């Protein structure tokens, strides 16, 4: 996916966001359209050197805003339970933990499945 983001993320109707500090890109996140109205929040990452500055939350907020702008009905993410700081951020943004892993998950290390609930 990352080797050809134009084909795998943008062409199917997704979006890619970047966090910058000055001219330096310090983080990224993608909104991947799985089917009409169904989006996955994916490829979230902030350079370790710049964590704690709020870039991750700004990226997350940008993805959620784009999801709403596109009038999506389902937004989900998959993650790993060891990423406790990220999971807390997702929960604060309105993502709710689901029981078990996502059926048909294509992520080997994912053991967390969360779905966005507006106003949660």
N, C-alpha and C. Protein backbone atom coordinates (compact mmCIF):
# COMPACT_ATOMS: atom_id res chain seq x y z
N UNK A 1 0.82 -1.19 0.00
CA UNK A 1 0.00 0.00 0.00
C UNK A 1 0.87 1.26 0.00
N UNK A 2 1.89 1.27 0.84
CA UNK A 2 2.74 2.45 0.93
C UNK A 2 3.68 2.60 -0.26
N UNK A 3 3.92 1.51 -0.98
CA UNK A 3 4.80 1.61 -2.14
C UNK A 3 4.10 2.29 -3.32
N UNK A 4 2.77 2.30 -3.33
CA UNK A 4 2.02 2.97 -4.40
C UNK A 4 0.72 3.54 -3.82
N UNK A 5 0.84 4.58 -2.99
CA UNK A 5 -0.35 5.13 -2.33
C UNK A 5 -1.37 5.73 -3.30
N UNK A 6 -0.91 6.20 -4.43
CA UNK A 6 -1.85 6.76 -5.40
C UNK A 6 -2.82 5.68 -5.89
N UNK A 7 -2.29 4.52 -6.16
CA UNK A 7 -3.14 3.42 -6.64
C UNK A 7 -3.96 2.79 -5.53
N UNK A 8 -3.35 2.60 -4.36
CA UNK A 8 -4.02 1.86 -3.29
C UNK A 8 -4.89 2.72 -2.38
N UNK A 9 -4.60 4.00 -2.26
CA UNK A 9 -5.36 4.86 -1.35
C UNK A 9 -6.16 5.92 -2.10
N UNK A 10 -5.50 6.69 -2.95
CA UNK A 10 -6.17 7.80 -3.61
C UNK A 10 -7.13 7.37 -4.72
N UNK A 11 -6.72 6.50 -5.60
CA UNK A 11 -7.56 6.10 -6.73
C UNK A 11 -8.90 5.49 -6.29
N UNK A 12 -8.93 4.67 -5.22
CA UNK A 12 -10.22 4.13 -4.78
C UNK A 12 -11.08 5.12 -3.99
N UNK A 13 -10.63 6.39 -3.89
CA UNK A 13 -11.45 7.40 -3.23
C UNK A 13 -10.99 7.79 -1.85
N UNK A 14 -9.77 7.47 -1.49
CA UNK A 14 -9.25 7.81 -0.17
C UNK A 14 -8.53 9.14 -0.15
N UNK A 15 -7.91 9.42 0.98
CA UNK A 15 -7.19 10.67 1.17
C UNK A 15 -5.97 10.41 2.06
N UNK A 16 -4.95 11.21 1.88
CA UNK A 16 -3.74 11.11 2.69
C UNK A 16 -3.48 12.47 3.31
N UNK A 17 -3.17 12.46 4.61
CA UNK A 17 -2.91 13.70 5.34
C UNK A 17 -1.49 13.68 5.88
N UNK A 18 -0.89 14.85 5.95
CA UNK A 18 0.46 14.98 6.48
C UNK A 18 0.46 16.05 7.57
N UNK A 19 1.22 15.81 8.62
CA UNK A 19 1.47 16.82 9.65
C UNK A 19 2.85 17.37 9.39
N UNK A 20 2.96 18.68 9.38
CA UNK A 20 4.25 19.32 9.14
C UNK A 20 4.60 20.23 10.31
N UNK A 21 5.86 20.30 10.56
CA UNK A 21 6.40 21.27 11.50
C UNK A 21 7.40 22.06 10.68
N UNK A 22 7.02 23.28 10.33
CA UNK A 22 7.82 24.03 9.38
C UNK A 22 7.74 23.34 8.04
N UNK A 23 8.87 23.04 7.47
CA UNK A 23 8.92 22.34 6.18
C UNK A 23 9.07 20.83 6.32
N UNK A 24 9.19 20.35 7.56
CA UNK A 24 9.43 18.93 7.80
C UNK A 24 8.13 18.18 8.03
N UNK A 25 7.93 17.08 7.30
CA UNK A 25 6.79 16.21 7.54
C UNK A 25 7.10 15.36 8.76
N UNK A 26 6.23 15.43 9.76
CA UNK A 26 6.47 14.70 11.01
C UNK A 26 5.46 13.59 11.26
N UNK A 27 4.42 13.52 10.41
CA UNK A 27 3.43 12.48 10.60
C UNK A 27 2.52 12.35 9.40
N UNK A 28 1.81 11.23 9.37
CA UNK A 28 0.88 10.99 8.27
C UNK A 28 -0.25 10.08 8.72
N UNK A 29 -1.31 10.11 7.96
CA UNK A 29 -2.47 9.26 8.21
C UNK A 29 -3.26 9.17 6.91
N UNK A 30 -3.94 8.05 6.70
CA UNK A 30 -4.73 7.89 5.48
C UNK A 30 -6.16 7.50 5.82
N UNK A 31 -7.04 7.93 4.95
CA UNK A 31 -8.44 7.55 5.00
C UNK A 31 -8.66 6.70 3.76
N UNK A 32 -8.87 5.42 3.96
CA UNK A 32 -8.99 4.47 2.86
C UNK A 32 -10.46 4.12 2.67
N UNK A 33 -10.97 4.35 1.45
CA UNK A 33 -12.37 3.99 1.18
C UNK A 33 -12.44 2.51 0.85
N UNK A 34 -13.15 1.78 1.69
CA UNK A 34 -13.31 0.34 1.48
C UNK A 34 -14.47 0.05 0.53
N UNK A 35 -15.55 0.79 0.68
CA UNK A 35 -16.72 0.70 -0.18
C UNK A 35 -17.49 2.01 0.00
N UNK A 36 -18.52 2.26 -0.80
CA UNK A 36 -19.22 3.55 -0.66
C UNK A 36 -19.69 3.79 0.79
N UNK A 37 -19.21 4.88 1.38
CA UNK A 37 -19.59 5.24 2.73
C UNK A 37 -18.83 4.56 3.85
N UNK A 38 -17.97 3.61 3.50
CA UNK A 38 -17.20 2.85 4.51
C UNK A 38 -15.72 3.19 4.34
N UNK A 39 -15.13 3.71 5.43
CA UNK A 39 -13.75 4.16 5.38
C UNK A 39 -12.95 3.55 6.53
N UNK A 40 -11.68 3.31 6.25
CA UNK A 40 -10.73 2.85 7.26
C UNK A 40 -9.73 3.95 7.54
N UNK A 41 -9.51 4.23 8.81
CA UNK A 41 -8.44 5.11 9.23
C UNK A 41 -7.19 4.23 9.29
N UNK A 42 -6.18 4.56 8.51
CA UNK A 42 -5.03 3.65 8.41
C UNK A 42 -3.72 4.42 8.26
N UNK A 43 -2.64 3.73 8.48
CA UNK A 43 -1.28 4.25 8.28
C UNK A 43 -1.00 5.50 9.10
N UNK A 44 -1.54 5.53 10.32
CA UNK A 44 -1.29 6.65 11.23
C UNK A 44 0.10 6.50 11.81
N UNK A 45 0.87 7.57 11.75
CA UNK A 45 2.20 7.53 12.34
C UNK A 45 2.76 8.93 12.52
N UNK A 46 3.44 9.13 13.64
CA UNK A 46 4.13 10.38 13.92
C UNK A 46 5.57 10.03 14.30
N UNK A 47 6.51 10.74 13.72
CA UNK A 47 7.93 10.53 14.01
C UNK A 47 8.14 10.59 15.53
N UNK A 48 8.85 9.60 16.06
CA UNK A 48 9.09 9.51 17.52
C UNK A 48 9.62 10.81 18.11
N UNK A 49 10.47 11.49 17.38
CA UNK A 49 11.08 12.73 17.85
C UNK A 49 10.04 13.81 18.13
N UNK A 50 8.89 13.75 17.46
CA UNK A 50 7.90 14.82 17.55
C UNK A 50 6.60 14.39 18.24
N UNK A 51 6.59 13.23 18.84
CA UNK A 51 5.39 12.79 19.55
C UNK A 51 5.16 13.66 20.78
N UNK A 52 3.91 13.84 21.12
CA UNK A 52 3.55 14.66 22.27
C UNK A 52 3.26 16.11 21.93
N UNK A 53 3.36 16.46 20.66
CA UNK A 53 3.10 17.84 20.24
C UNK A 53 1.68 18.03 19.72
N UNK A 54 0.91 16.96 19.66
CA UNK A 54 -0.47 17.05 19.18
C UNK A 54 -0.66 16.75 17.71
N UNK A 55 0.40 16.36 17.02
CA UNK A 55 0.29 16.09 15.58
C UNK A 55 -0.63 14.91 15.29
N UNK A 56 -0.54 13.86 16.11
CA UNK A 56 -1.39 12.69 15.92
C UNK A 56 -2.86 13.03 16.03
N UNK A 57 -3.20 13.83 17.03
CA UNK A 57 -4.61 14.22 17.21
C UNK A 57 -5.07 15.10 16.06
N UNK A 58 -4.22 15.98 15.58
CA UNK A 58 -4.61 16.83 14.45
C UNK A 58 -4.84 16.00 13.19
N UNK A 59 -3.98 15.00 12.98
CA UNK A 59 -4.18 14.10 11.84
C UNK A 59 -5.48 13.33 11.98
N UNK A 60 -5.73 12.82 13.17
CA UNK A 60 -6.95 12.07 13.43
C UNK A 60 -8.18 12.96 13.19
N UNK A 61 -8.15 14.17 13.71
CA UNK A 61 -9.26 15.10 13.52
C UNK A 61 -9.48 15.42 12.04
N UNK A 62 -8.40 15.54 11.28
CA UNK A 62 -8.51 15.82 9.84
C UNK A 62 -9.18 14.65 9.12
N UNK A 63 -8.82 13.43 9.48
CA UNK A 63 -9.43 12.25 8.86
C UNK A 63 -10.91 12.16 9.20
N UNK A 64 -11.25 12.42 10.46
CA UNK A 64 -12.66 12.37 10.87
C UNK A 64 -13.46 13.46 10.15
N UNK A 65 -12.89 14.65 10.04
CA UNK A 65 -13.58 15.74 9.33
C UNK A 65 -13.81 15.38 7.86
N UNK A 66 -12.82 14.76 7.23
CA UNK A 66 -12.97 14.35 5.83
C UNK A 66 -14.02 13.25 5.70
N UNK A 67 -14.04 12.33 6.65
CA UNK A 67 -15.07 11.28 6.69
C UNK A 67 -16.46 11.93 6.72
N UNK A 68 -16.65 12.92 7.57
CA UNK A 68 -17.95 13.62 7.66
C UNK A 68 -18.24 14.39 6.37
N UNK A 69 -17.21 15.06 5.83
CA UNK A 69 -17.40 15.82 4.60
C UNK A 69 -17.88 14.93 3.46
N UNK A 70 -17.39 13.71 3.46
CA UNK A 70 -17.78 12.76 2.42
C UNK A 70 -19.07 12.03 2.75
N UNK A 71 -19.66 12.38 3.88
CA UNK A 71 -20.92 11.78 4.34
C UNK A 71 -20.82 10.27 4.49
N UNK A 72 -19.69 9.83 5.05
CA UNK A 72 -19.50 8.41 5.31
C UNK A 72 -20.42 7.93 6.43
N UNK A 73 -20.71 6.65 6.42
CA UNK A 73 -21.56 6.10 7.48
C UNK A 73 -20.80 5.17 8.42
N UNK A 74 -19.64 4.67 8.01
CA UNK A 74 -18.85 3.79 8.87
C UNK A 74 -17.37 4.17 8.74
N UNK A 75 -16.74 4.38 9.90
CA UNK A 75 -15.31 4.65 9.96
C UNK A 75 -14.73 3.72 11.01
N UNK A 76 -13.73 2.95 10.62
CA UNK A 76 -13.14 1.98 11.54
C UNK A 76 -11.62 2.05 11.46
N UNK A 77 -11.00 1.42 12.43
CA UNK A 77 -9.54 1.27 12.41
C UNK A 77 -9.18 -0.05 13.06
N UNK A 78 -8.00 -0.51 12.72
CA UNK A 78 -7.42 -1.69 13.35
C UNK A 78 -6.07 -1.28 13.91
N UNK A 79 -5.74 -1.81 15.07
CA UNK A 79 -4.50 -1.44 15.71
C UNK A 79 -3.98 -2.61 16.53
N UNK A 80 -3.04 -2.30 17.40
CA UNK A 80 -2.45 -3.31 18.27
C UNK A 80 -2.60 -2.86 19.72
N UNK A 81 -2.92 -3.77 20.58
CA UNK A 81 -3.18 -3.45 21.99
C UNK A 81 -1.96 -2.87 22.71
N UNK A 82 -0.78 -3.07 22.17
CA UNK A 82 0.42 -2.50 22.80
C UNK A 82 0.53 -0.99 22.59
N UNK A 83 -0.20 -0.44 21.65
CA UNK A 83 -0.13 0.98 21.34
C UNK A 83 -1.13 1.75 22.21
N UNK A 84 -0.91 1.70 23.52
CA UNK A 84 -1.88 2.24 24.48
C UNK A 84 -2.12 3.74 24.33
N UNK A 85 -1.10 4.51 24.04
CA UNK A 85 -1.28 5.96 23.87
C UNK A 85 -2.17 6.24 22.68
N UNK A 86 -1.93 5.56 21.58
CA UNK A 86 -2.76 5.75 20.38
C UNK A 86 -4.20 5.30 20.65
N UNK A 87 -4.38 4.19 21.34
CA UNK A 87 -5.73 3.70 21.61
C UNK A 87 -6.51 4.69 22.47
N UNK A 88 -5.86 5.29 23.45
CA UNK A 88 -6.53 6.31 24.27
C UNK A 88 -6.94 7.51 23.41
N UNK A 89 -6.07 7.91 22.49
CA UNK A 89 -6.38 9.02 21.60
C UNK A 89 -7.60 8.68 20.73
N UNK A 90 -7.63 7.47 20.19
CA UNK A 90 -8.77 7.05 19.37
C UNK A 90 -10.06 7.06 20.18
N UNK A 91 -10.00 6.55 21.40
CA UNK A 91 -11.20 6.54 22.26
C UNK A 91 -11.68 7.95 22.55
N UNK A 92 -10.77 8.86 22.84
CA UNK A 92 -11.15 10.25 23.12
C UNK A 92 -11.79 10.91 21.90
N UNK A 93 -11.42 10.45 20.71
CA UNK A 93 -11.96 11.01 19.47
C UNK A 93 -13.30 10.40 19.09
N UNK A 94 -13.74 9.36 19.82
CA UNK A 94 -15.04 8.77 19.54
C UNK A 94 -15.02 7.36 18.99
N UNK A 95 -13.86 6.73 18.94
CA UNK A 95 -13.79 5.34 18.49
C UNK A 95 -14.11 4.42 19.67
N UNK A 96 -14.87 3.38 19.38
CA UNK A 96 -15.30 2.44 20.41
C UNK A 96 -14.72 1.06 20.11
N UNK A 97 -14.12 0.46 21.12
CA UNK A 97 -13.53 -0.87 21.01
C UNK A 97 -14.62 -1.89 20.68
N UNK A 98 -14.31 -2.77 19.75
CA UNK A 98 -15.22 -3.84 19.36
C UNK A 98 -14.69 -5.16 19.90
N UNK A 99 -15.59 -6.11 20.14
CA UNK A 99 -15.11 -7.41 20.63
C UNK A 99 -14.36 -8.16 19.53
N UNK A 100 -13.18 -8.61 19.83
CA UNK A 100 -12.40 -9.40 18.87
C UNK A 100 -11.81 -8.58 17.75
N UNK A 101 -11.16 -9.27 16.84
CA UNK A 101 -10.56 -8.61 15.67
C UNK A 101 -11.60 -8.47 14.58
N UNK A 102 -11.32 -7.61 13.64
CA UNK A 102 -12.25 -7.39 12.54
C UNK A 102 -12.28 -8.62 11.64
N UNK A 103 -13.47 -9.10 11.34
CA UNK A 103 -13.57 -10.24 10.42
C UNK A 103 -12.91 -9.89 9.08
N UNK A 104 -12.06 -10.77 8.60
CA UNK A 104 -11.39 -10.55 7.32
C UNK A 104 -10.22 -9.58 7.39
N UNK A 105 -9.74 -9.29 8.58
CA UNK A 105 -8.63 -8.35 8.73
C UNK A 105 -7.44 -8.80 7.91
N UNK A 106 -6.78 -7.82 7.28
CA UNK A 106 -5.59 -8.15 6.49
C UNK A 106 -4.31 -7.67 7.19
N UNK A 107 -4.43 -7.33 8.47
CA UNK A 107 -3.27 -6.90 9.24
C UNK A 107 -2.85 -8.02 10.19
N UNK A 108 -1.65 -8.48 10.02
CA UNK A 108 -1.12 -9.59 10.80
C UNK A 108 -1.05 -9.29 12.30
N UNK A 109 -0.64 -8.07 12.65
CA UNK A 109 -0.43 -7.73 14.07
C UNK A 109 -1.63 -7.07 14.73
N UNK A 110 -2.71 -6.86 13.99
CA UNK A 110 -3.89 -6.19 14.56
C UNK A 110 -4.64 -7.12 15.50
N UNK A 111 -4.81 -6.64 16.73
CA UNK A 111 -5.63 -7.38 17.69
C UNK A 111 -6.67 -6.45 18.32
N UNK A 112 -6.82 -5.25 17.73
CA UNK A 112 -7.79 -4.27 18.18
C UNK A 112 -8.60 -3.81 16.97
N UNK A 113 -9.92 -3.74 17.16
CA UNK A 113 -10.83 -3.28 16.12
C UNK A 113 -11.72 -2.22 16.78
N UNK A 114 -11.73 -1.01 16.21
CA UNK A 114 -12.50 0.08 16.78
C UNK A 114 -13.36 0.72 15.67
N UNK A 115 -14.55 1.16 16.07
CA UNK A 115 -15.47 1.81 15.14
C UNK A 115 -15.82 3.19 15.69
N UNK A 116 -15.78 4.18 14.82
CA UNK A 116 -16.12 5.55 15.20
C UNK A 116 -17.61 5.69 15.43
N UNK A 117 -17.97 6.30 16.54
CA UNK A 117 -19.37 6.59 16.83
C UNK A 117 -19.49 8.07 17.13
N UNK A 118 -20.11 8.76 16.22
CA UNK A 118 -20.30 10.20 16.35
C UNK A 118 -20.90 10.53 17.69
N UNK A 119 -20.26 11.46 18.40
CA UNK A 119 -20.77 11.89 19.68
C UNK A 119 -20.45 10.95 20.83
N UNK A 120 -19.65 9.92 20.58
CA UNK A 120 -19.31 8.96 21.66
C UNK A 120 -18.34 9.57 22.63
